[in-house]
Amino acid sequence: MDQDQSHDAIVARLRAGDEQTFTDIVDQYSPSMIRIAMIYVRDRAIAEEVVQDTWIAALRGLARFEGRSSLKTWLYTILTNRAKTRATREDRYVPLEQGDDSDDAPLVDLERFDSDHYWADGRLPQPWEDVPETRLMSRETLGLIAAALESLPPNQREVIRMRDVEGFSSDEVCNILGLSETNQRVLLHRARSKVRQALEDYLKS
């Protein structure tokens, strides 16, 4: 059975009220859904409420699901909309159009280049192959990465977490967040550059 048939079969079983299929879907997606909700509300208890509301809304709306997107995309679109609504109520959400996709700050410190726009001596990015794995995977390093993610502007944080932490595809992120491919790519590139710079600064210390 190909992926589309499998997807259609799952939707059909959900519509037929198959409790085991619903339980399996909840178990599969809920941990990730809580993490995504926490991008907006930050409090785990509230995130869990948002996820619970999402499942209720999905069950009620399943009959109207037209299959123009995948079930996963549909579920996460409901989730992000409800998380944004909850965050707006708590004055925490920054609407996407008010974000920083027009941020024109240089992604790399210009002092790292010489007058001919090449890397200056000693300013070339250092490869991480020689960094001991124990340091790369240490609690301190992982904490540094987490802090760098949290310090990002909201829109960049939203996109990099979905792409690089939760593993969503570019198309999925664009569909869930209502972004153009170009906008999504710019936000992701800026977010990755800032996190990499923070990690590079830390590893040089």
C-alpha atoms as a PDB file:
ATOM      1  CA  MET A   1       0.000   0.000   0.000  1.00  0.00           C
ATOM      2  CA  ASP A   2       1.480   3.365  -0.999  1.00  0.00           C
ATOM      3  CA  GLN A   3       1.625   6.387   1.289  1.00  0.00           C
ATOM      4  CA  ASP A   4      -1.507   8.044  -0.154  1.00  0.00           C
ATOM      5  CA  GLN A   5      -3.545   4.851   0.243  1.00  0.00           C
ATOM      6  CA  SER A   6      -2.264   4.414   3.787  1.00  0.00           C
ATOM      7  CA  HIS A   7      -3.190   8.021   4.575  1.00  0.00           C
ATOM      8  CA  ASP A   8      -6.670   7.564   3.105  1.00  0.00           C
ATOM      9  CA  ALA A   9      -7.143   4.317   5.021  1.00  0.00           C
ATOM     10  CA  ILE A  10      -6.219   5.998   8.304  1.00  0.00           C
ATOM     11  CA  VAL A  11      -8.641   8.856   7.662  1.00  0.00           C
ATOM     12  CA  ALA A  12     -11.373   6.344   6.769  1.00  0.00           C
ATOM     13  CA  ARG A  13     -10.804   4.417  10.005  1.00  0.00           C
ATOM     14  CA  LEU A  14     -10.881   7.621  12.038  1.00  0.00           C
ATOM     15  CA  ARG A  15     -14.159   8.646  10.411  1.00  0.00           C
ATOM     16  CA  ALA A  16     -15.544   5.183  11.175  1.00  0.00           C
ATOM     17  CA  GLY A  17     -14.787   5.746  14.849  1.00  0.00           C
ATOM     18  CA  ASP A  18     -11.888   3.298  15.129  1.00  0.00           C
ATOM     19  CA  GLU A  19     -10.665   3.981  18.676  1.00  0.00           C
ATOM     20  CA  GLN A  20      -7.362   2.118  18.250  1.00  0.00           C
ATOM     21  CA  THR A  21      -6.433   4.187  15.200  1.00  0.00           C
ATOM     22  CA  PHE A  22      -7.239   7.379  17.078  1.00  0.00           C
ATOM     23  CA  THR A  23      -5.180   6.229  20.069  1.00  0.00           C
ATOM     24  CA  ASP A  24      -2.242   5.414  17.801  1.00  0.00           C
ATOM     25  CA  ILE A  25      -2.423   8.849  16.147  1.00  0.00           C
ATOM     26  CA  VAL A  26      -2.609  10.598  19.516  1.00  0.00           C
ATOM     27  CA  ASP A  27       0.397   8.641  20.793  1.00  0.00           C
ATOM     28  CA  GLN A  28       2.357   9.393  17.626  1.00  0.00           C
ATOM     29  CA  TYR A  29       1.780  13.130  17.425  1.00  0.00           C
ATOM     30  CA  SER A  30       1.033  14.405  20.932  1.00  0.00           C
ATOM     31  CA  PRO A  31       4.632  14.750  22.205  1.00  0.00           C
ATOM     32  CA  SER A  32       5.599  16.814  19.160  1.00  0.00           C
ATOM     33  CA  MET A  33       2.364  18.807  19.348  1.00  0.00           C
ATOM     34  CA  ILE A  34       3.120  19.778  22.948  1.00  0.00           C
ATOM     35  CA  ARG A  35       6.586  20.981  21.952  1.00  0.00           C
ATOM     36  CA  ILE A  36       5.155  23.010  19.059  1.00  0.00           C
ATOM     37  CA  ALA A  37       2.469  24.529  21.307  1.00  0.00           C
ATOM     38  CA  MET A  38       5.169  25.568  23.771  1.00  0.00           C
ATOM     39  CA  ILE A  39       6.763  27.741  21.076  1.00  0.00           C
ATOM     40  CA  TYR A  40       3.775  29.998  21.615  1.00  0.00           C
ATOM     41  CA  VAL A  41       2.585  29.549  25.210  1.00  0.00           C
ATOM     42  CA  ARG A  42       5.811  28.364  26.924  1.00  0.00           C
ATOM     43  CA  ASP A  43       3.918  26.771  29.833  1.00  0.00           C
ATOM     44  CA  ARG A  44       3.637  22.995  29.528  1.00  0.00           C
ATOM     45  CA  ALA A  45       0.304  22.771  31.320  1.00  0.00           C
ATOM     46  CA  ILE A  46      -1.224  25.312  28.933  1.00  0.00           C
ATOM     47  CA  ALA A  47       0.432  23.573  25.978  1.00  0.00           C
ATOM     48  CA  GLU A  48      -1.194  20.309  27.034  1.00  0.00           C
ATOM     49  CA  GLU A  49      -4.558  22.070  27.178  1.00  0.00           C
ATOM     50  CA  VAL A  50      -3.992  23.429  23.661  1.00  0.00           C
ATOM     51  CA  VAL A  51      -3.170  19.934  22.401  1.00  0.00           C
ATOM     52  CA  GLN A  52      -6.258  18.489  24.076  1.00  0.00           C
ATOM     53  CA  ASP A  53      -8.400  21.209  22.480  1.00  0.00           C
ATOM     54  CA  THR A  54      -6.789  20.400  19.139  1.00  0.00           C
ATOM     55  CA  TRP A  55      -7.753  16.738  19.335  1.00  0.00           C
ATOM     56  CA  ILE A  56     -11.321  17.650  20.265  1.00  0.00           C
ATOM     57  CA  ALA A  57     -11.505  20.094  17.356  1.00  0.00           C
ATOM     58  CA  ALA A  58     -10.031  17.511  14.997  1.00  0.00           C
ATOM     59  CA  LEU A  59     -12.592  14.882  15.986  1.00  0.00           C
ATOM     60  CA  ARG A  60     -15.422  17.353  15.527  1.00  0.00           C
ATOM     61  CA  GLY A  61     -14.068  18.553  12.196  1.00  0.00           C
ATOM     62  CA  LEU A  62     -12.999  15.222  10.732  1.00  0.00           C
ATOM     63  CA  ALA A  63     -16.114  14.946   8.602  1.00  0.00           C
ATOM     64  CA  ARG A  64     -15.193  18.248   6.938  1.00  0.00           C
ATOM     65  CA  PHE A  65     -11.568  17.247   6.292  1.00  0.00           C
ATOM     66  CA  GLU A  66     -11.253  17.296   2.499  1.00  0.00           C
ATOM     67  CA  GLY A  67      -7.796  15.780   2.189  1.00  0.00           C
ATOM     68  CA  ARG A  68      -6.304  18.696   0.283  1.00  0.00           C
ATOM     69  CA  SER A  69      -3.401  18.514   2.742  1.00  0.00           C
ATOM     70  CA  SER A  70      -2.086  15.583   4.728  1.00  0.00           C
ATOM     71  CA  LEU A  71      -3.764  14.639   7.997  1.00  0.00           C
ATOM     72  CA  LYS A  72      -0.569  15.683   9.788  1.00  0.00           C
ATOM     73  CA  THR A  73      -0.540  19.133   8.193  1.00  0.00           C
ATOM     74  CA  TRP A  74      -4.239  19.572   8.954  1.00  0.00           C
ATOM     75  CA  LEU A  75      -3.744  18.619  12.621  1.00  0.00           C
ATOM     76  CA  TYR A  76      -0.763  20.928  13.115  1.00  0.00           C
ATOM     77  CA  THR A  77      -2.557  23.794  11.412  1.00  0.00           C
ATOM     78  CA  ILE A  78      -5.372  23.433  13.932  1.00  0.00           C
ATOM     79  CA  LEU A  79      -2.770  23.209  16.701  1.00  0.00           C
ATOM     80  CA  THR A  80      -0.832  26.341  15.730  1.00  0.00           C
ATOM     81  CA  ASN A  81      -4.015  28.353  15.247  1.00  0.00           C
ATOM     82  CA  ARG A  82      -5.257  27.380  18.697  1.00  0.00           C
ATOM     83  CA  ALA A  83      -1.854  27.983  20.268  1.00  0.00           C
ATOM     84  CA  LYS A  84      -1.694  31.438  18.665  1.00  0.00           C
ATOM     85  CA  THR A  85      -5.188  32.224  19.925  1.00  0.00           C
ATOM     86  CA  ARG A  86      -4.238  31.174  23.447  1.00  0.00           C
ATOM     87  CA  ALA A  87      -0.970  33.122  23.284  1.00  0.00           C
ATOM     88  CA  THR A  88      -2.771  36.213  21.973  1.00  0.00           C
ATOM     89  CA  ARG A  89      -5.111  36.009  24.930  1.00  0.00           C
ATOM     90  CA  GLU A  90      -2.025  36.069  27.157  1.00  0.00           C
ATOM     91  CA  ASP A  91      -0.346  38.843  25.099  1.00  0.00           C
ATOM     92  CA  ARG A  92       2.467  36.501  24.098  1.00  0.00           C
ATOM     93  CA  TYR A  93       1.970  36.026  20.366  1.00  0.00           C
ATOM     94  CA  VAL A  94       3.693  38.176  17.730  1.00  0.00           C
ATOM     95  CA  PRO A  95       1.708  37.898  14.457  1.00  0.00           C
ATOM     96  CA  LEU A  96       3.794  36.723  11.532  1.00  0.00           C
ATOM     97  CA  GLU A  97       3.350  39.912   9.547  1.00  0.00           C
ATOM     98  CA  GLN A  98       4.879  41.812  12.478  1.00  0.00           C
ATOM     99  CA  GLY A  99       7.911  39.560  12.532  1.00  0.00           C
ATOM    100  CA  ASP A 100      11.454  40.109  11.369  1.00  0.00           C
ATOM    101  CA  ASP A 101      11.588  38.481   7.950  1.00  0.00           C
ATOM    102  CA  SER A 102      12.787  41.869   6.666  1.00  0.00           C
ATOM    103  CA  ASP A 103      15.678  41.830   9.148  1.00  0.00           C
ATOM    104  CA  ASP A 104      18.682  43.005   7.130  1.00  0.00           C
ATOM    105  CA  ALA A 105      21.364  42.624   9.795  1.00  0.00           C
ATOM    106  CA  PRO A 106      24.461  40.853   8.400  1.00  0.00           C
ATOM    107  CA  LEU A 107      24.401  37.125   9.049  1.00  0.00           C
ATOM    108  CA  VAL A 108      28.184  37.092   9.573  1.00  0.00           C
ATOM    109  CA  ASP A 109      30.280  39.765  11.294  1.00  0.00           C
ATOM    110  CA  LEU A 110      31.657  41.936   8.461  1.00  0.00           C
ATOM    111  CA  GLU A 111      34.970  42.286  10.327  1.00  0.00           C
ATOM    112  CA  ARG A 112      35.655  38.661   9.440  1.00  0.00           C
ATOM    113  CA  PHE A 113      36.251  39.663   5.810  1.00  0.00           C
ATOM    114  CA  ASP A 114      39.183  41.539   4.275  1.00  0.00           C
ATOM    115  CA  SER A 115      38.992  44.462   1.869  1.00  0.00           C
ATOM    116  CA  ASP A 116      38.559  42.069  -1.066  1.00  0.00           C
ATOM    117  CA  HIS A 117      35.569  40.409   0.652  1.00  0.00           C
ATOM    118  CA  TYR A 118      37.437  37.168   1.369  1.00  0.00           C
ATOM    119  CA  TRP A 119      37.771  35.567   4.790  1.00  0.00           C
ATOM    120  CA  ALA A 120      40.430  37.452   6.762  1.00  0.00           C
ATOM    121  CA  ASP A 121      43.377  35.550   8.211  1.00  0.00           C
ATOM    122  CA  GLY A 122      42.282  33.577  11.225  1.00  0.00           C
ATOM    123  CA  ARG A 123      38.597  34.468  10.742  1.00  0.00           C
ATOM    124  CA  LEU A 124      37.530  31.476   8.652  1.00  0.00           C
ATOM    125  CA  PRO A 125      34.780  29.409  10.309  1.00  0.00           C
ATOM    126  CA  GLN A 126      36.355  26.526  12.162  1.00  0.00           C
ATOM    127  CA  PRO A 127      35.261  22.970  11.310  1.00  0.00           C
ATOM    128  CA  TRP A 128      33.720  21.053  14.175  1.00  0.00           C
ATOM    129  CA  GLU A 129      35.108  17.655  13.203  1.00  0.00           C
ATOM    130  CA  ASP A 130      37.988  18.132  15.649  1.00  0.00           C
ATOM    131  CA  VAL A 131      35.729  19.062  18.554  1.00  0.00           C
ATOM    132  CA  PRO A 132      35.336  16.046  20.861  1.00  0.00           C
ATOM    133  CA  GLU A 133      31.887  14.512  20.588  1.00  0.00           C
ATOM    134  CA  THR A 134      31.637  14.546  24.370  1.00  0.00           C
ATOM    135  CA  ARG A 135      31.829  18.349  24.292  1.00  0.00           C
ATOM    136  CA  LEU A 136      29.415  18.733  21.379  1.00  0.00           C
ATOM    137  CA  MET A 137      26.855  16.556  23.149  1.00  0.00           C
ATOM    138  CA  SER A 138      27.492  17.831  26.669  1.00  0.00           C
ATOM    139  CA  ARG A 139      24.697  19.250  28.770  1.00  0.00           C
ATOM    140  CA  GLU A 140      26.372  22.645  28.695  1.00  0.00           C
ATOM    141  CA  THR A 141      26.555  22.708  24.874  1.00  0.00           C
ATOM    142  CA  LEU A 142      22.976  21.519  24.471  1.00  0.00           C
ATOM    143  CA  GLY A 143      21.911  24.174  26.963  1.00  0.00           C
ATOM    144  CA  LEU A 144      23.734  26.796  24.917  1.00  0.00           C
ATOM    145  CA  ILE A 145      21.882  25.687  21.779  1.00  0.00           C
ATOM    146  CA  ALA A 146      18.545  25.772  23.608  1.00  0.00           C
ATOM    147  CA  ALA A 147      19.290  29.285  24.870  1.00  0.00           C
ATOM    148  CA  ALA A 148      20.281  30.402  21.363  1.00  0.00           C
ATOM    149  CA  LEU A 149      16.982  29.091  20.001  1.00  0.00           C
ATOM    150  CA  GLU A 150      15.029  30.896  22.706  1.00  0.00           C
ATOM    151  CA  SER A 151      16.835  34.162  21.967  1.00  0.00           C
ATOM    152  CA  LEU A 152      15.728  34.193  18.329  1.00  0.00           C
ATOM    153  CA  PRO A 153      12.974  36.523  17.120  1.00  0.00           C
ATOM    154  CA  PRO A 154       9.596  34.721  17.316  1.00  0.00           C
ATOM    155  CA  ASN A 155       9.200  33.993  13.596  1.00  0.00           C
ATOM    156  CA  GLN A 156      12.714  32.603  13.224  1.00  0.00           C
ATOM    157  CA  ARG A 157      12.309  30.491  16.358  1.00  0.00           C
ATOM    158  CA  GLU A 158       9.002  29.154  15.078  1.00  0.00           C
ATOM    159  CA  VAL A 159      10.443  28.039  11.735  1.00  0.00           C
ATOM    160  CA  ILE A 160      13.750  26.570  12.959  1.00  0.00           C
ATOM    161  CA  ARG A 161      12.056  24.541  15.671  1.00  0.00           C
ATOM    162  CA  MET A 162       9.594  23.057  13.212  1.00  0.00           C
ATOM    163  CA  ARG A 163      12.254  22.344  10.575  1.00  0.00           C
ATOM    164  CA  ASP A 164      15.338  21.356  12.580  1.00  0.00           C
ATOM    165  CA  VAL A 165      13.933  20.155  15.898  1.00  0.00           C
ATOM    166  CA  GLU A 166      10.623  18.550  14.903  1.00  0.00           C
ATOM    167  CA  GLY A 167      11.665  17.517  11.401  1.00  0.00           C
ATOM    168  CA  PHE A 168       8.872  19.073   9.357  1.00  0.00           C
ATOM    169  CA  SER A 169       9.487  19.486   5.639  1.00  0.00           C
ATOM    170  CA  SER A 170       9.652  22.877   3.982  1.00  0.00           C
ATOM    171  CA  ASP A 171       6.240  22.331   2.362  1.00  0.00           C
ATOM    172  CA  GLU A 172       4.683  21.309   5.674  1.00  0.00           C
ATOM    173  CA  VAL A 173       5.988  24.415   7.454  1.00  0.00           C
ATOM    174  CA  CYS A 174       4.775  26.677   4.654  1.00  0.00           C
ATOM    175  CA  ASN A 175       1.316  25.102   4.733  1.00  0.00           C
ATOM    176  CA  ILE A 176       0.974  25.046   8.514  1.00  0.00           C
ATOM    177  CA  LEU A 177       2.244  28.595   9.078  1.00  0.00           C
ATOM    178  CA  GLY A 178       0.897  30.125   5.886  1.00  0.00           C
ATOM    179  CA  LEU A 179       4.345  31.180   4.651  1.00  0.00           C
ATOM    180  CA  SER A 180       5.705  31.512   1.149  1.00  0.00           C
ATOM    181  CA  GLU A 181       8.625  29.231   0.335  1.00  0.00           C
ATOM    182  CA  THR A 182      10.901  32.271   0.017  1.00  0.00           C
ATOM    183  CA  ASN A 183       9.872  33.687   3.386  1.00  0.00           C
ATOM    184  CA  GLN A 184      10.268  30.325   5.083  1.00  0.00           C
ATOM    185  CA  ARG A 185      13.729  29.893   3.576  1.00  0.00           C
ATOM    186  CA  VAL A 186      14.876  33.358   4.673  1.00  0.00           C
ATOM    187  CA  LEU A 187      13.628  32.882   8.229  1.00  0.00           C
ATOM    188  CA  LEU A 188      15.266  29.459   8.480  1.00  0.00           C
ATOM    189  CA  HIS A 189      18.572  30.684   7.056  1.00  0.00           C
ATOM    190  CA  ARG A 190      18.752  33.605   9.481  1.00  0.00           C
ATOM    191  CA  ALA A 191      17.827  31.401  12.434  1.00  0.00           C
ATOM    192  CA  ARG A 192      20.396  28.749  11.559  1.00  0.00           C
ATOM    193  CA  SER A 193      23.100  31.392  11.049  1.00  0.00           C
ATOM    194  CA  LYS A 194      22.481  32.938  14.471  1.00  0.00           C
ATOM    195  CA  VAL A 195      22.469  29.590  16.268  1.00  0.00           C
ATOM    196  CA  ARG A 196      25.622  28.508  14.455  1.00  0.00           C
ATOM    197  CA  GLN A 197      27.345  31.765  15.393  1.00  0.00           C
ATOM    198  CA  ALA A 198      26.419  31.326  19.051  1.00  0.00           C
ATOM    199  CA  LEU A 199      27.737  27.760  18.998  1.00  0.00           C
ATOM    200  CA  GLU A 200      30.922  28.774  17.191  1.00  0.00           C
ATOM    201  CA  ASP A 201      31.608  31.530  19.737  1.00  0.00           C
ATOM    202  CA  TYR A 202      31.070  29.055  22.565  1.00  0.00           C
ATOM    203  CA  LEU A 203      33.329  26.360  21.098  1.00  0.00           C
ATOM    204  CA  LYS A 204      36.162  28.870  20.590  1.00  0.00           C
ATOM    205  CA  SER A 205      36.085  29.803  24.278  1.00  0.00           C
END
